[in-house]
PDB file of N, CA and C in Angstrom:
ATOM      1  N   UNK A   1      87.047  84.281 112.655  1.00  0.00           N
ATOM      2  CA  UNK A   1      86.679  85.732 112.680  1.00  0.00           C
ATOM      3  C   UNK A   1      87.689  87.242 113.139  1.00  0.00           C
ATOM      4  N   UNK A   2      87.028  86.405 114.797  1.00  0.00           N
ATOM      5  CA  UNK A   2      87.731  88.034 115.422  1.00  0.00           C
ATOM      6  C   UNK A   2      89.634  87.856 115.324  1.00  0.00           C
ATOM      7  N   UNK A   3      89.888  86.156 115.379  1.00  0.00           N
ATOM      8  CA  UNK A   3      91.090  86.342 115.989  1.00  0.00           C
ATOM      9  C   UNK A   3      91.996  87.230 114.038  1.00  0.00           C
ATOM     10  N   UNK A   4      91.690  87.104 113.764  1.00  0.00           N
ATOM     11  CA  UNK A   4      92.390  87.441 111.838  1.00  0.00           C
ATOM     12  C   UNK A   4      91.474  88.821 112.421  1.00  0.00           C
ATOM     13  N   UNK A   5      90.612  89.177 112.114  1.00  0.00           N
ATOM     14  CA  UNK A   5      90.469  90.734 112.848  1.00  0.00           C
ATOM     15  C   UNK A   5      92.025  90.999 113.411  1.00  0.00           C
ATOM     16  N   UNK A   6      91.862  91.079 114.872  1.00  0.00           N
ATOM     17  CA  UNK A   6      92.716  91.466 115.553  1.00  0.00           C
ATOM     18  C   UNK A   6      94.484  90.942 114.251  1.00  0.00           C
ATOM     19  N   UNK A   7      94.919  90.152 114.378  1.00  0.00           N
ATOM     20  CA  UNK A   7      96.051  90.154 114.083  1.00  0.00           C
ATOM     21  C   UNK A   7      95.540  91.984 113.350  1.00  0.00           C
ATOM     22  N   UNK A   8      94.754  91.476 111.939  1.00  0.00           N
ATOM     23  CA  UNK A   8      94.934  92.997 110.901  1.00  0.00           C
ATOM     24  C   UNK A   8      94.690  94.109 111.571  1.00  0.00           C
ATOM     25  N   UNK A   9      94.277  94.257 112.790  1.00  0.00           N
ATOM     26  CA  UNK A   9      94.969  96.010 113.395  1.00  0.00           C
ATOM     27  C   UNK A   9      95.629  95.879 114.441  1.00  0.00           C
ATOM     28  N   UNK A  10      95.805  94.827 114.446  1.00  0.00           N
ATOM     29  CA  UNK A  10      97.758  94.742 115.388  1.00  0.00           C
ATOM     30  C   UNK A  10      98.527  95.012 113.972  1.00  0.00           C
ATOM     31  N   UNK A  11      98.103  94.245 112.847  1.00  0.00           N
ATOM     32  CA  UNK A  11      99.686  94.935 111.643  1.00  0.00           C
ATOM     33  C   UNK A  11      99.177  96.213 111.815  1.00  0.00           C
ATOM     34  N   UNK A  12      97.954  96.293 111.513  1.00  0.00           N
ATOM     35  CA  UNK A  12      97.711  97.977 110.661  1.00  0.00           C
ATOM     36  C   UNK A  12      97.986  98.603 111.607  1.00  0.00           C
ATOM     37  N   UNK A  13      98.432  98.973 113.084  1.00  0.00           N
ATOM     38  CA  UNK A  13      99.649  99.751 114.101  1.00  0.00           C
ATOM     39  C   UNK A  13      99.973  99.741 113.725  1.00  0.00           C
ATOM     40  N   UNK A  14     101.683  98.241 113.669  1.00  0.00           N
ATOM     41  CA  UNK A  14     102.443  98.922 112.805  1.00  0.00           C
ATOM     42  C   UNK A  14     102.839  99.339 111.883  1.00  0.00           C
ATOM     43  N   UNK A  15     101.758  99.176 110.840  1.00  0.00           N
ATOM     44  CA  UNK A  15     101.811  99.783 109.354  1.00  0.00           C
ATOM     45  C   UNK A  15     101.598 100.912 109.681  1.00  0.00           C
ATOM     46  N   UNK A  16     100.733 101.820 110.547  1.00  0.00           N
ATOM     47  CA  UNK A  16     100.926 103.103 110.586  1.00  0.00           C
ATOM     48  C   UNK A  16     101.786 104.102 111.695  1.00  0.00           C
ATOM     49  N   UNK A  17     102.233 102.973 112.531  1.00  0.00           N
ATOM     50  CA  UNK A  17     103.770 103.967 113.321  1.00  0.00           C
ATOM     51  C   UNK A  17     104.725 103.864 112.066  1.00  0.00           C
ATOM     52  N   UNK A  18     105.476 102.559 111.801  1.00  0.00           N
ATOM     53  CA  UNK A  18     105.852 102.905 110.681  1.00  0.00           C
ATOM     54  C   UNK A  18     106.431 104.215 109.712  1.00  0.00           C
ATOM     55  N   UNK A  19     104.795 104.000 109.231  1.00  0.00           N
ATOM     56  CA  UNK A  19     104.813 105.096 108.486  1.00  0.00           C
ATOM     57  C   UNK A  19     104.920 106.502 108.768  1.00  0.00           C
ATOM     58  N   UNK A  20     104.719 106.479 109.573  1.00  0.00           N
ATOM     59  CA  UNK A  20     104.763 107.861 110.479  1.00  0.00           C
ATOM     60  C   UNK A  20     106.485 107.168 111.046  1.00  0.00           C
ATOM     61  N   UNK A  21     106.988 107.440 111.122  1.00  0.00           N
ATOM     62  CA  UNK A  21     108.455 107.281 111.174  1.00  0.00           C
ATOM     63  C   UNK A  21     109.031 107.250 110.731  1.00  0.00           C
ATOM     64  N   UNK A  22     108.696 106.426 108.741  1.00  0.00           N
ATOM     65  CA  UNK A  22     109.734 106.909 107.614  1.00  0.00           C
ATOM     66  C   UNK A  22     109.119 108.009 106.836  1.00  0.00           C
ATOM     67  N   UNK A  23     108.121 108.024 107.406  1.00  0.00           N
ATOM     68  CA  UNK A  23     108.136 109.762 106.763  1.00  0.00           C
ATOM     69  C   UNK A  23     108.774 110.904 107.687  1.00  0.00           C
ATOM     70  N   UNK A  24     108.452 110.350 108.798  1.00  0.00           N
ATOM     71  CA  UNK A  24     109.471 111.522 109.271  1.00  0.00           C
ATOM     72  C   UNK A  24     110.561 111.646 109.309  1.00  0.00           C
ATOM     73  N   UNK A  25     111.672 110.592 109.100  1.00  0.00           N
ATOM     74  CA  UNK A  25     113.239 110.330 109.061  1.00  0.00           C
ATOM     75  C   UNK A  25     112.960 111.581 107.593  1.00  0.00           C
ATOM     76  N   UNK A  26     112.364 110.248 106.741  1.00  0.00           N
ATOM     77  CA  UNK A  26     112.803 110.762 105.616  1.00  0.00           C
ATOM     78  C   UNK A  26     112.503 112.689 105.049  1.00  0.00           C
ATOM     79  N   UNK A  27     111.407 112.959 105.039  1.00  0.00           N
ATOM     80  CA  UNK A  27     110.531 114.243 105.392  1.00  0.00           C
ATOM     81  C   UNK A  27     111.373 115.631 106.463  1.00  0.00           C
ATOM     82  N   UNK A  28     112.306 114.682 107.525  1.00  0.00           N
ATOM     83  CA  UNK A  28     112.669 115.580 108.306  1.00  0.00           C
ATOM     84  C   UNK A  28     114.299 116.087 108.913  1.00  0.00           C
ATOM     85  N   UNK A  29     114.969 114.376 108.131  1.00  0.00           N
ATOM     86  CA  UNK A  29     116.359 114.428 108.525  1.00  0.00           C
ATOM     87  C   UNK A  29     116.838 114.591 106.850  1.00  0.00           C
ATOM     88  N   UNK A  30     116.922 113.625 106.045  1.00  0.00           N
ATOM     89  CA  UNK A  30     117.052 113.251 104.938  1.00  0.00           C
ATOM     90  C   UNK A  30     116.651 114.581 103.430  1.00  0.00           C
ATOM     91  N   UNK A  31     115.142 114.343 103.479  1.00  0.00           N
ATOM     92  CA  UNK A  31     115.073 115.386 102.750  1.00  0.00           C
ATOM     93  C   UNK A  31     114.621 116.423 102.442  1.00  0.00           C
ATOM     94  N   UNK A  32     115.070 117.485 103.659  1.00  0.00           N
ATOM     95  CA  UNK A  32     114.124 118.650 103.821  1.00  0.00           C
ATOM     96  C   UNK A  32     113.084 119.798 102.932  1.00  0.00           C
ATOM     97  N   UNK A  33     111.397 119.486 102.162  1.00  0.00           N
ATOM     98  CA  UNK A  33     111.415 119.781 100.634  1.00  0.00           C
ATOM     99  C   UNK A  33     110.166 120.283 101.052  1.00  0.00           C
ATOM    100  N   UNK A  34     109.361 120.603  99.939  1.00  0.00           N
ATOM    101  CA  UNK A  34     107.936 120.870  99.981  1.00  0.00           C
ATOM    102  C   UNK A  34     107.537 119.343  98.970  1.00  0.00           C
ATOM    103  N   UNK A  35     108.357 119.046  98.987  1.00  0.00           N
ATOM    104  CA  UNK A  35     107.655 117.564  97.496  1.00  0.00           C
ATOM    105  C   UNK A  35     107.879 116.324  99.046  1.00  0.00           C
ATOM    106  N   UNK A  36     106.578 116.292  98.413  1.00  0.00           N
ATOM    107  CA  UNK A  36     105.797 114.957  99.632  1.00  0.00           C
ATOM    108  C   UNK A  36     106.981 113.088  98.809  1.00  0.00           C
ATOM    109  N   UNK A  37     109.033 113.863  99.760  1.00  0.00           N
ATOM    110  CA  UNK A  37     109.165 112.738  99.584  1.00  0.00           C
ATOM    111  C   UNK A  37     109.490 111.768 100.441  1.00  0.00           C
ATOM    112  N   UNK A  38     108.667 111.819 102.044  1.00  0.00           N
ATOM    113  CA  UNK A  38     108.617 110.557 102.728  1.00  0.00           C
ATOM    114  C   UNK A  38     107.205 109.529 102.291  1.00  0.00           C
ATOM    115  N   UNK A  39     105.838 110.383 101.641  1.00  0.00           N
ATOM    116  CA  UNK A  39     104.879 109.735 100.948  1.00  0.00           C
ATOM    117  C   UNK A  39     104.951 108.787  99.711  1.00  0.00           C
ATOM    118  N   UNK A  40     106.344 109.355  99.059  1.00  0.00           N
ATOM    119  CA  UNK A  40     106.676 108.862  97.873  1.00  0.00           C
ATOM    120  C   UNK A  40     108.001 107.083  98.582  1.00  0.00           C
ATOM    121  N   UNK A  41     108.481 107.542  99.569  1.00  0.00           N
ATOM    122  CA  UNK A  41     109.749 107.137  99.902  1.00  0.00           C
ATOM    123  C   UNK A  41     108.536 105.526 100.382  1.00  0.00           C
ATOM    124  N   UNK A  42     107.246 105.671 101.289  1.00  0.00           N
ATOM    125  CA  UNK A  42     106.502 104.941 102.250  1.00  0.00           C
ATOM    126  C   UNK A  42     105.242 104.053 100.750  1.00  0.00           C
ATOM    127  N   UNK A  43     105.455 104.510 100.174  1.00  0.00           N
ATOM    128  CA  UNK A  43     104.294 104.228  98.694  1.00  0.00           C
ATOM    129  C   UNK A  43     104.971 103.195  97.976  1.00  0.00           C
ATOM    130  N   UNK A  44     106.357 103.202  97.542  1.00  0.00           N
ATOM    131  CA  UNK A  44     107.040 103.058  96.538  1.00  0.00           C
ATOM    132  C   UNK A  44     107.730 101.010  97.836  1.00  0.00           C
ATOM    133  N   UNK A  45     108.076 101.384  98.957  1.00  0.00           N
ATOM    134  CA  UNK A  45     108.768 100.320  99.852  1.00  0.00           C
ATOM    135  C   UNK A  45     107.683  99.352 100.217  1.00  0.00           C
ATOM    136  N   UNK A  46     106.523 100.930 100.628  1.00  0.00           N
ATOM    137  CA  UNK A  46     105.151  99.484 100.489  1.00  0.00           C
ATOM    138  C   UNK A  46     105.309  98.227  98.985  1.00  0.00           C
ATOM    139  N   UNK A  47     104.753  99.249  98.169  1.00  0.00           N
ATOM    140  CA  UNK A  47     104.319  98.773  97.270  1.00  0.00           C
ATOM    141  C   UNK A  47     105.137  96.529  97.174  1.00  0.00           C
ATOM    142  N   UNK A  48     106.804  97.625  97.057  1.00  0.00           N
ATOM    143  CA  UNK A  48     107.736  96.379  96.915  1.00  0.00           C
ATOM    144  C   UNK A  48     107.900  95.206  98.803  1.00  0.00           C
ATOM    145  N   UNK A  49     107.320  96.256  99.649  1.00  0.00           N
ATOM    146  CA  UNK A  49     106.948  94.366 100.628  1.00  0.00           C
ATOM    147  C   UNK A  49     105.695  93.947 100.555  1.00  0.00           C
ATOM    148  N   UNK A  50     104.435  95.053  99.242  1.00  0.00           N
ATOM    149  CA  UNK A  50     103.633  93.780  99.507  1.00  0.00           C
ATOM    150  C   UNK A  50     104.032  92.816  98.257  1.00  0.00           C
ATOM    151  N   UNK A  51     104.229  93.502  97.729  1.00  0.00           N
ATOM    152  CA  UNK A  51     105.052  92.362  96.243  1.00  0.00           C
ATOM    153  C   UNK A  51     105.735  90.555  96.634  1.00  0.00           C
ATOM    154  N   UNK A  52     106.354  91.188  98.047  1.00  0.00           N
ATOM    155  CA  UNK A  52     107.645  90.289  98.450  1.00  0.00           C
ATOM    156  C   UNK A  52     106.639  89.583  99.497  1.00  0.00           C
ATOM    157  N   UNK A  53     105.418  90.104 100.452  1.00  0.00           N
ATOM    158  CA  UNK A  53     105.109  88.990 101.256  1.00  0.00           C
ATOM    159  C   UNK A  53     104.296  88.236 100.562  1.00  0.00           C
ATOM    160  N   UNK A  54     102.947  88.595  98.549  1.00  0.00           N
ATOM    161  CA  UNK A  54     102.737  87.835  97.728  1.00  0.00           C
ATOM    162  C   UNK A  54     103.274  86.733  97.154  1.00  0.00           C
ATOM    163  N   UNK A  55     104.417  86.804  97.265  1.00  0.00           N
ATOM    164  CA  UNK A  55     105.600  86.120  96.700  1.00  0.00           C
ATOM    165  C   UNK A  55     105.257  85.089  97.595  1.00  0.00           C
ATOM    166  N   UNK A  56     106.002  85.381  97.912  1.00  0.00           N
ATOM    167  CA  UNK A  56     106.417  84.457  99.512  1.00  0.00           C
ATOM    168  C   UNK A  56     105.526  83.285  99.970  1.00  0.00           C
ATOM    169  N   UNK A  57     104.384  83.454 100.263  1.00  0.00           N
ATOM    170  CA  UNK A  57     103.362  83.261 100.590  1.00  0.00           C
ATOM    171  C   UNK A  57     102.559  81.911  99.288  1.00  0.00           C
ATOM    172  N   UNK A  58     103.048  82.927  97.959  1.00  0.00           N
ATOM    173  CA  UNK A  58     102.903  81.924  97.171  1.00  0.00           C
ATOM    174  C   UNK A  58     104.051  80.747  96.844  1.00  0.00           C
ATOM    175  N   UNK A  59     104.817  80.673  97.012  1.00  0.00           N
ATOM    176  CA  UNK A  59     105.829  79.548  96.816  1.00  0.00           C
ATOM    177  C   UNK A  59     106.513  78.764  98.414  1.00  0.00           C
ATOM    178  N   UNK A  60     105.889  79.527  99.628  1.00  0.00           N
ATOM    179  CA  UNK A  60     105.960  78.533 100.786  1.00  0.00           C
ATOM    180  C   UNK A  60     104.576  78.391 101.214  1.00  0.00           C
ATOM    181  N   UNK A  61     104.379  77.251 102.094  1.00  0.00           N
ATOM    182  CA  UNK A  61     102.896  76.949 103.253  1.00  0.00           C
ATOM    183  C   UNK A  61     103.292  77.943 104.221  1.00  0.00           C
ATOM    184  N   UNK A  62     102.008  78.752 104.020  1.00  0.00           N
ATOM    185  CA  UNK A  62     102.303  79.520 105.123  1.00  0.00           C
ATOM    186  C   UNK A  62     100.264  80.019 105.897  1.00  0.00           C
ATOM    187  N   UNK A  63     100.032  80.550 106.907  1.00  0.00           N
ATOM    188  CA  UNK A  63      98.837  80.100 107.828  1.00  0.00           C
ATOM    189  C   UNK A  63      98.101  81.356 106.509  1.00  0.00           C
ATOM    190  N   UNK A  64      97.015  81.784 107.026  1.00  0.00           N
ATOM    191  CA  UNK A  64      96.482  82.722 105.476  1.00  0.00           C
ATOM    192  C   UNK A  64      96.506  83.572 107.051  1.00  0.00           C
ATOM    193  N   UNK A  65      96.767  83.473 108.374  1.00  0.00           N
ATOM    194  CA  UNK A  65      96.609  84.375 109.398  1.00  0.00           C
ATOM    195  C   UNK A  65      97.447  85.567 109.223  1.00  0.00           C
ATOM    196  N   UNK A  66      98.819  84.468 108.743  1.00  0.00           N
ATOM    197  CA  UNK A  66     100.302  85.451 108.789  1.00  0.00           C
ATOM    198  C   UNK A  66      99.930  86.173 107.984  1.00  0.00           C
ATOM    199  N   UNK A  67      99.449  85.922 106.659  1.00  0.00           N
ATOM    200  CA  UNK A  67      99.287  86.371 105.392  1.00  0.00           C
ATOM    201  C   UNK A  67      98.447  88.211 105.833  1.00  0.00           C
ATOM    202  N   UNK A  68      97.274  87.503 106.477  1.00  0.00           N
ATOM    203  CA  UNK A  68      96.416  89.012 106.441  1.00  0.00           C
ATOM    204  C   UNK A  68      97.092  89.986 107.755  1.00  0.00           C
ATOM    205  N   UNK A  69      98.178  89.169 108.427  1.00  0.00           N
ATOM    206  CA  UNK A  69      98.906  89.721 109.429  1.00  0.00           C
ATOM    207  C   UNK A  69      99.911  90.716 108.530  1.00  0.00           C
ATOM    208  N   UNK A  70     100.370  90.225 107.938  1.00  0.00           N
ATOM    209  CA  UNK A  70     101.880  90.675 106.368  1.00  0.00           C
ATOM    210  C   UNK A  70     100.773  91.782 106.099  1.00  0.00           C
ATOM    211  N   UNK A  71     100.450  91.296 104.889  1.00  0.00           N
ATOM    212  CA  UNK A  71     100.004  92.585 103.632  1.00  0.00           C
ATOM    213  C   UNK A  71      98.504  93.475 103.831  1.00  0.00           C
ATOM    214  N   UNK A  72      97.388  92.817 105.418  1.00  0.00           N
ATOM    215  CA  UNK A  72      96.740  92.723 104.318  1.00  0.00           C
ATOM    216  C   UNK A  72      96.494  94.851 106.109  1.00  0.00           C
ATOM    217  N   UNK A  73      97.500  94.384 107.478  1.00  0.00           N
ATOM    218  CA  UNK A  73      97.469  94.756 108.274  1.00  0.00           C
ATOM    219  C   UNK A  73      98.882  96.049 108.335  1.00  0.00           C
ATOM    220  N   UNK A  74     100.254  94.458 108.644  1.00  0.00           N
ATOM    221  CA  UNK A  74     101.654  95.881 108.106  1.00  0.00           C
ATOM    222  C   UNK A  74     101.516  96.496 106.806  1.00  0.00           C
ATOM    223  N   UNK A  75     101.054  96.111 106.006  1.00  0.00           N
ATOM    224  CA  UNK A  75     100.974  96.559 104.750  1.00  0.00           C
ATOM    225  C   UNK A  75     100.183  97.731 104.491  1.00  0.00           C
ATOM    226  N   UNK A  76      99.002  97.574 104.675  1.00  0.00           N
ATOM    227  CA  UNK A  76      97.347  98.836 104.822  1.00  0.00           C
ATOM    228  C   UNK A  76      98.049  99.345 105.651  1.00  0.00           C
ATOM    229  N   UNK A  77      98.335  99.228 107.546  1.00  0.00           N
ATOM    230  CA  UNK A  77      98.502 100.394 107.313  1.00  0.00           C
ATOM    231  C   UNK A  77      99.407 101.314 106.889  1.00  0.00           C
ATOM    232  N   UNK A  78     100.577 100.767 106.483  1.00  0.00           N
ATOM    233  CA  UNK A  78     101.675 101.491 106.230  1.00  0.00           C
ATOM    234  C   UNK A  78     101.516 102.164 104.877  1.00  0.00           C
ATOM    235  N   UNK A  79     100.916 101.595 104.160  1.00  0.00           N
ATOM    236  CA  UNK A  79     100.572 101.683 102.731  1.00  0.00           C
ATOM    237  C   UNK A  79      98.690 101.938 101.442  1.00  0.00           C
ATOM    238  N   UNK A  80      98.049 101.577 101.971  1.00  0.00           N
ATOM    239  CA  UNK A  80      97.157 100.955 100.946  1.00  0.00           C
ATOM    240  C   UNK A  80      96.867 101.460  99.588  1.00  0.00           C
ATOM    241  N   UNK A  81      98.795 102.307  99.347  1.00  0.00           N
ATOM    242  CA  UNK A  81      98.276 102.387  98.183  1.00  0.00           C
ATOM    243  C   UNK A  81      98.890 101.007  97.252  1.00  0.00           C
ATOM    244  N   UNK A  82     100.129 100.309  98.525  1.00  0.00           N
ATOM    245  CA  UNK A  82     100.488  98.649  98.256  1.00  0.00           C
ATOM    246  C   UNK A  82      99.451  98.048  97.640  1.00  0.00           C
ATOM    247  N   UNK A  83      98.292  97.899  98.346  1.00  0.00           N
ATOM    248  CA  UNK A  83      97.221  96.381  97.885  1.00  0.00           C
ATOM    249  C   UNK A  83      96.975  97.375  96.216  1.00  0.00           C
ATOM    250  N   UNK A  84      96.742  98.711  96.170  1.00  0.00           N
ATOM    251  CA  UNK A  84      95.800  99.296  95.140  1.00  0.00           C
ATOM    252  C   UNK A  84      97.081  99.441  93.751  1.00  0.00           C
ATOM    253  N   UNK A  85      98.191  98.776  94.122  1.00  0.00           N
ATOM    254  CA  UNK A  85      99.674  98.602  92.947  1.00  0.00           C
ATOM    255  C   UNK A  85      99.836  97.056  93.050  1.00  0.00           C
ATOM    256  N   UNK A  86      99.220  96.760  94.167  1.00  0.00           N
ATOM    257  CA  UNK A  86      98.630  94.757  93.698  1.00  0.00           C
ATOM    258  C   UNK A  86      98.498  94.257  92.785  1.00  0.00           C
ATOM    259  N   UNK A  87      96.936  94.899  93.613  1.00  0.00           N
ATOM    260  CA  UNK A  87      95.283  94.432  92.604  1.00  0.00           C
ATOM    261  C   UNK A  87      95.842  95.109  91.168  1.00  0.00           C
ATOM    262  N   UNK A  88      96.323  96.065  90.727  1.00  0.00           N
ATOM    263  CA  UNK A  88      96.301  97.400  89.050  1.00  0.00           C
ATOM    264  C   UNK A  88      97.641  95.496  88.745  1.00  0.00           C
ATOM    265  N   UNK A  89      98.468  95.398  89.343  1.00  0.00           N
ATOM    266  CA  UNK A  89      99.082  94.868  88.452  1.00  0.00           C
ATOM    267  C   UNK A  89      98.728  93.052  88.125  1.00  0.00           C
ATOM    268  N   UNK A  90      97.915  92.250  89.570  1.00  0.00           N
ATOM    269  CA  UNK A  90      96.958  90.897  89.386  1.00  0.00           C
ATOM    270  C   UNK A  90      95.946  91.461  87.973  1.00  0.00           C
ATOM    271  N   UNK A  91      95.110  92.577  88.045  1.00  0.00           N
ATOM    272  CA  UNK A  91      94.858  93.256  86.710  1.00  0.00           C
ATOM    273  C   UNK A  91      95.305  93.193  85.347  1.00  0.00           C
ATOM    274  N   UNK A  92      96.057  93.116  85.342  1.00  0.00           N
ATOM    275  CA  UNK A  92      97.387  93.439  84.073  1.00  0.00           C
ATOM    276  C   UNK A  92      97.677  92.250  84.017  1.00  0.00           C
ATOM    277  N   UNK A  93      98.224  91.477  84.952  1.00  0.00           N
ATOM    278  CA  UNK A  93      98.544  89.793  84.441  1.00  0.00           C
ATOM    279  C   UNK A  93      97.282  89.197  83.741  1.00  0.00           C
ATOM    280  N   UNK A  94      96.147  89.180  85.061  1.00  0.00           N
ATOM    281  CA  UNK A  94      95.160  88.266  83.952  1.00  0.00           C
ATOM    282  C   UNK A  94      94.073  88.647  83.142  1.00  0.00           C
ATOM    283  N   UNK A  95      95.191  89.808  81.450  1.00  0.00           N
ATOM    284  CA  UNK A  95      94.908  90.393  81.338  1.00  0.00           C
ATOM    285  C   UNK A  95      93.585  91.193  81.039  1.00  0.00           C
ATOM    286  N   UNK A  96      92.855  92.187  82.003  1.00  0.00           N
ATOM    287  CA  UNK A  96      91.861  92.586  81.989  1.00  0.00           C
ATOM    288  C   UNK A  96      92.686  93.700  82.340  1.00  0.00           C
ATOM    289  N   UNK A  97      92.919  94.433  80.994  1.00  0.00           N
ATOM    290  CA  UNK A  97      93.684  95.566  80.821  1.00  0.00           C
ATOM    291  C   UNK A  97      92.956  97.421  80.436  1.00  0.00           C
ATOM    292  N   UNK A  98      91.050  96.451  80.121  1.00  0.00           N
ATOM    293  CA  UNK A  98      90.202  97.225  80.779  1.00  0.00           C
ATOM    294  C   UNK A  98      89.883  97.823  81.936  1.00  0.00           C
ATOM    295  N   UNK A  99      89.771  96.602  82.504  1.00  0.00           N
ATOM    296  CA  UNK A  99      89.449  97.268  83.573  1.00  0.00           C
ATOM    297  C   UNK A  99      90.793  97.459  84.539  1.00  0.00           C
ATOM    298  N   UNK A 100      92.167  97.292  84.123  1.00  0.00           N
ATOM    299  CA  UNK A 100      93.031  97.862  84.617  1.00  0.00           C
ATOM    300  C   UNK A 100      93.225  99.978  84.792  1.00  0.00           C
ATOM    301  N   UNK A 101      92.683 100.266  83.162  1.00  0.00           N
ATOM    302  CA  UNK A 101      93.063 101.319  83.054  1.00  0.00           C
ATOM    303  C   UNK A 101      91.776 101.591  83.880  1.00  0.00           C
ATOM    304  N   UNK A 102      90.604 101.139  84.034  1.00  0.00           N
ATOM    305  CA  UNK A 102      89.437 101.641  84.935  1.00  0.00           C
ATOM    306  C   UNK A 102      89.908 102.320  85.717  1.00  0.00           C
ATOM    307  N   UNK A 103      90.851 101.214  86.882  1.00  0.00           N
ATOM    308  CA  UNK A 103      90.694 101.293  88.074  1.00  0.00           C
ATOM    309  C   UNK A 103      91.888 102.185  88.613  1.00  0.00           C
ATOM    310  N   UNK A 104      92.908 102.128  87.909  1.00  0.00           N
ATOM    311  CA  UNK A 104      94.078 102.698  87.953  1.00  0.00           C
ATOM    312  C   UNK A 104      93.649 104.685  87.945  1.00  0.00           C
ATOM    313  N   UNK A 105      93.291 104.798  86.533  1.00  0.00           N
ATOM    314  CA  UNK A 105      92.427 106.149  86.800  1.00  0.00           C
ATOM    315  C   UNK A 105      91.453 106.478  87.430  1.00  0.00           C
ATOM    316  N   UNK A 106      90.778 105.836  87.299  1.00  0.00           N
ATOM    317  CA  UNK A 106      89.807 105.998  87.988  1.00  0.00           C
ATOM    318  C   UNK A 106      89.576 105.641  89.573  1.00  0.00           C
ATOM    319  N   UNK A 107      91.156 105.698  90.209  1.00  0.00           N
ATOM    320  CA  UNK A 107      91.572 105.390  91.687  1.00  0.00           C
ATOM    321  C   UNK A 107      91.731 106.928  92.065  1.00  0.00           C
ATOM    322  N   UNK A 108      92.772 107.306  90.029  1.00  0.00           N
ATOM    323  CA  UNK A 108      93.224 108.439  91.091  1.00  0.00           C
ATOM    324  C   UNK A 108      92.023 110.147  90.141  1.00  0.00           C
ATOM    325  N   UNK A 109      91.381 109.830  89.372  1.00  0.00           N
ATOM    326  CA  UNK A 109      90.769 111.271  89.283  1.00  0.00           C
ATOM    327  C   UNK A 109      90.376 110.788  90.418  1.00  0.00           C
ATOM    328  N   UNK A 110      89.082 109.832  90.323  1.00  0.00           N
ATOM    329  CA  UNK A 110      87.992 110.676  91.919  1.00  0.00           C
ATOM    330  C   UNK A 110      88.862 110.789  92.857  1.00  0.00           C
ATOM    331  N   UNK A 111      89.537 110.076  93.467  1.00  0.00           N
ATOM    332  CA  UNK A 111      90.363 109.921  94.474  1.00  0.00           C
ATOM    333  C   UNK A 111      90.769 111.514  95.155  1.00  0.00           C
ATOM    334  N   UNK A 112      91.536 112.300  93.779  1.00  0.00           N
ATOM    335  CA  UNK A 112      91.726 114.004  93.428  1.00  0.00           C
ATOM    336  C   UNK A 112      90.175 114.197  94.441  1.00  0.00           C
ATOM    337  N   UNK A 113      89.590 114.305  93.704  1.00  0.00           N
ATOM    338  CA  UNK A 113      88.039 114.308  93.155  1.00  0.00           C
ATOM    339  C   UNK A 113      87.682 114.895  94.626  1.00  0.00           C
ATOM    340  N   UNK A 114      87.973 113.477  94.575  1.00  0.00           N
ATOM    341  CA  UNK A 114      87.067 113.660  96.673  1.00  0.00           C
ATOM    342  C   UNK A 114      87.254 113.633  97.667  1.00  0.00           C
ATOM    343  N   UNK A 115      88.567 114.294  97.335  1.00  0.00           N
ATOM    344  CA  UNK A 115      89.781 115.019  98.009  1.00  0.00           C
ATOM    345  C   UNK A 115      89.557 116.464  98.420  1.00  0.00           C
ATOM    346  N   UNK A 116      88.850 117.148  96.967  1.00  0.00           N
ATOM    347  CA  UNK A 116      89.103 117.943  96.412  1.00  0.00           C
ATOM    348  C   UNK A 116      86.783 118.782  96.721  1.00  0.00           C
ATOM    349  N   UNK A 117      86.700 117.689  96.723  1.00  0.00           N
ATOM    350  CA  UNK A 117      85.236 118.581  96.829  1.00  0.00           C
ATOM    351  C   UNK A 117      84.979 118.888  98.428  1.00  0.00           C
ATOM    352  N   UNK A 118      84.850 118.405  99.321  1.00  0.00           N
ATOM    353  CA  UNK A 118      84.856 118.780 100.563  1.00  0.00           C
ATOM    354  C   UNK A 118      85.685 119.848 101.269  1.00  0.00           C
ATOM    355  N   UNK A 119      86.840 119.819 100.465  1.00  0.00           N
ATOM    356  CA  UNK A 119      87.463 121.473 100.946  1.00  0.00           C
ATOM    357  C   UNK A 119      87.243 122.401 100.280  1.00  0.00           C
ATOM    358  N   UNK A 120      86.273 122.431  98.807  1.00  0.00           N
ATOM    359  CA  UNK A 120      85.250 123.715  98.169  1.00  0.00           C
ATOM    360  C   UNK A 120      84.803 123.266  99.118  1.00  0.00           C
ATOM    361  N   UNK A 121      83.536 122.906  99.107  1.00  0.00           N
ATOM    362  CA  UNK A 121      82.200 122.777 100.153  1.00  0.00           C
ATOM    363  C   UNK A 121      82.524 123.272 102.347  1.00  0.00           C
ATOM    364  N   UNK A 122      83.697 123.120 102.307  1.00  0.00           N
ATOM    365  CA  UNK A 122      83.784 123.465 103.397  1.00  0.00           C
ATOM    366  C   UNK A 122      84.555 124.778 103.633  1.00  0.00           C
ATOM    367  N   UNK A 123      85.223 124.955 103.048  1.00  0.00           N
ATOM    368  CA  UNK A 123      86.266 126.936 102.181  1.00  0.00           C
ATOM    369  C   UNK A 123      84.314 127.698 102.114  1.00  0.00           C
ATOM    370  N   UNK A 124      83.681 127.288 101.098  1.00  0.00           N
ATOM    371  CA  UNK A 124      82.261 128.187 100.812  1.00  0.00           C
ATOM    372  C   UNK A 124      81.670 127.969 102.015  1.00  0.00           C
ATOM    373  N   UNK A 125      81.385 126.859 103.041  1.00  0.00           N
ATOM    374  CA  UNK A 125      81.117 127.262 104.235  1.00  0.00           C
ATOM    375  C   UNK A 125      81.594 127.832 105.247  1.00  0.00           C
ATOM    376  N   UNK A 126      82.388 128.113 105.553  1.00  0.00           N
ATOM    377  CA  UNK A 126      82.659 129.333 105.919  1.00  0.00           C
ATOM    378  C   UNK A 126      83.011 130.692 106.541  1.00  0.00           C
TER     379      UNK A 126
END
């Protein structure tokens, strides 16, 4: 277990560094804007990579540690949106339509509310 945790942690560090570099590159060099193009690029590219990782690991025999390193570590450090996207696709693919809509809209709406609440509360305390 400690080996897997270490592998995921190393992958997460790599993914986080990549997220920073890609976001910085997109937002400062290619598309200077108030729109978060860097985050959009990270989220979409992360979804593509996690889809690629899972598709390839279903086709070839790969050690569970490598799958954890690539999907949970690198992709998870790069963007948790990729895991959200993959889990959403699995719900649809498996015919769990109600769970899909609950997960997608619940994540979006509750995530925005959860981000907004501390901003309001802390502003009121100041």
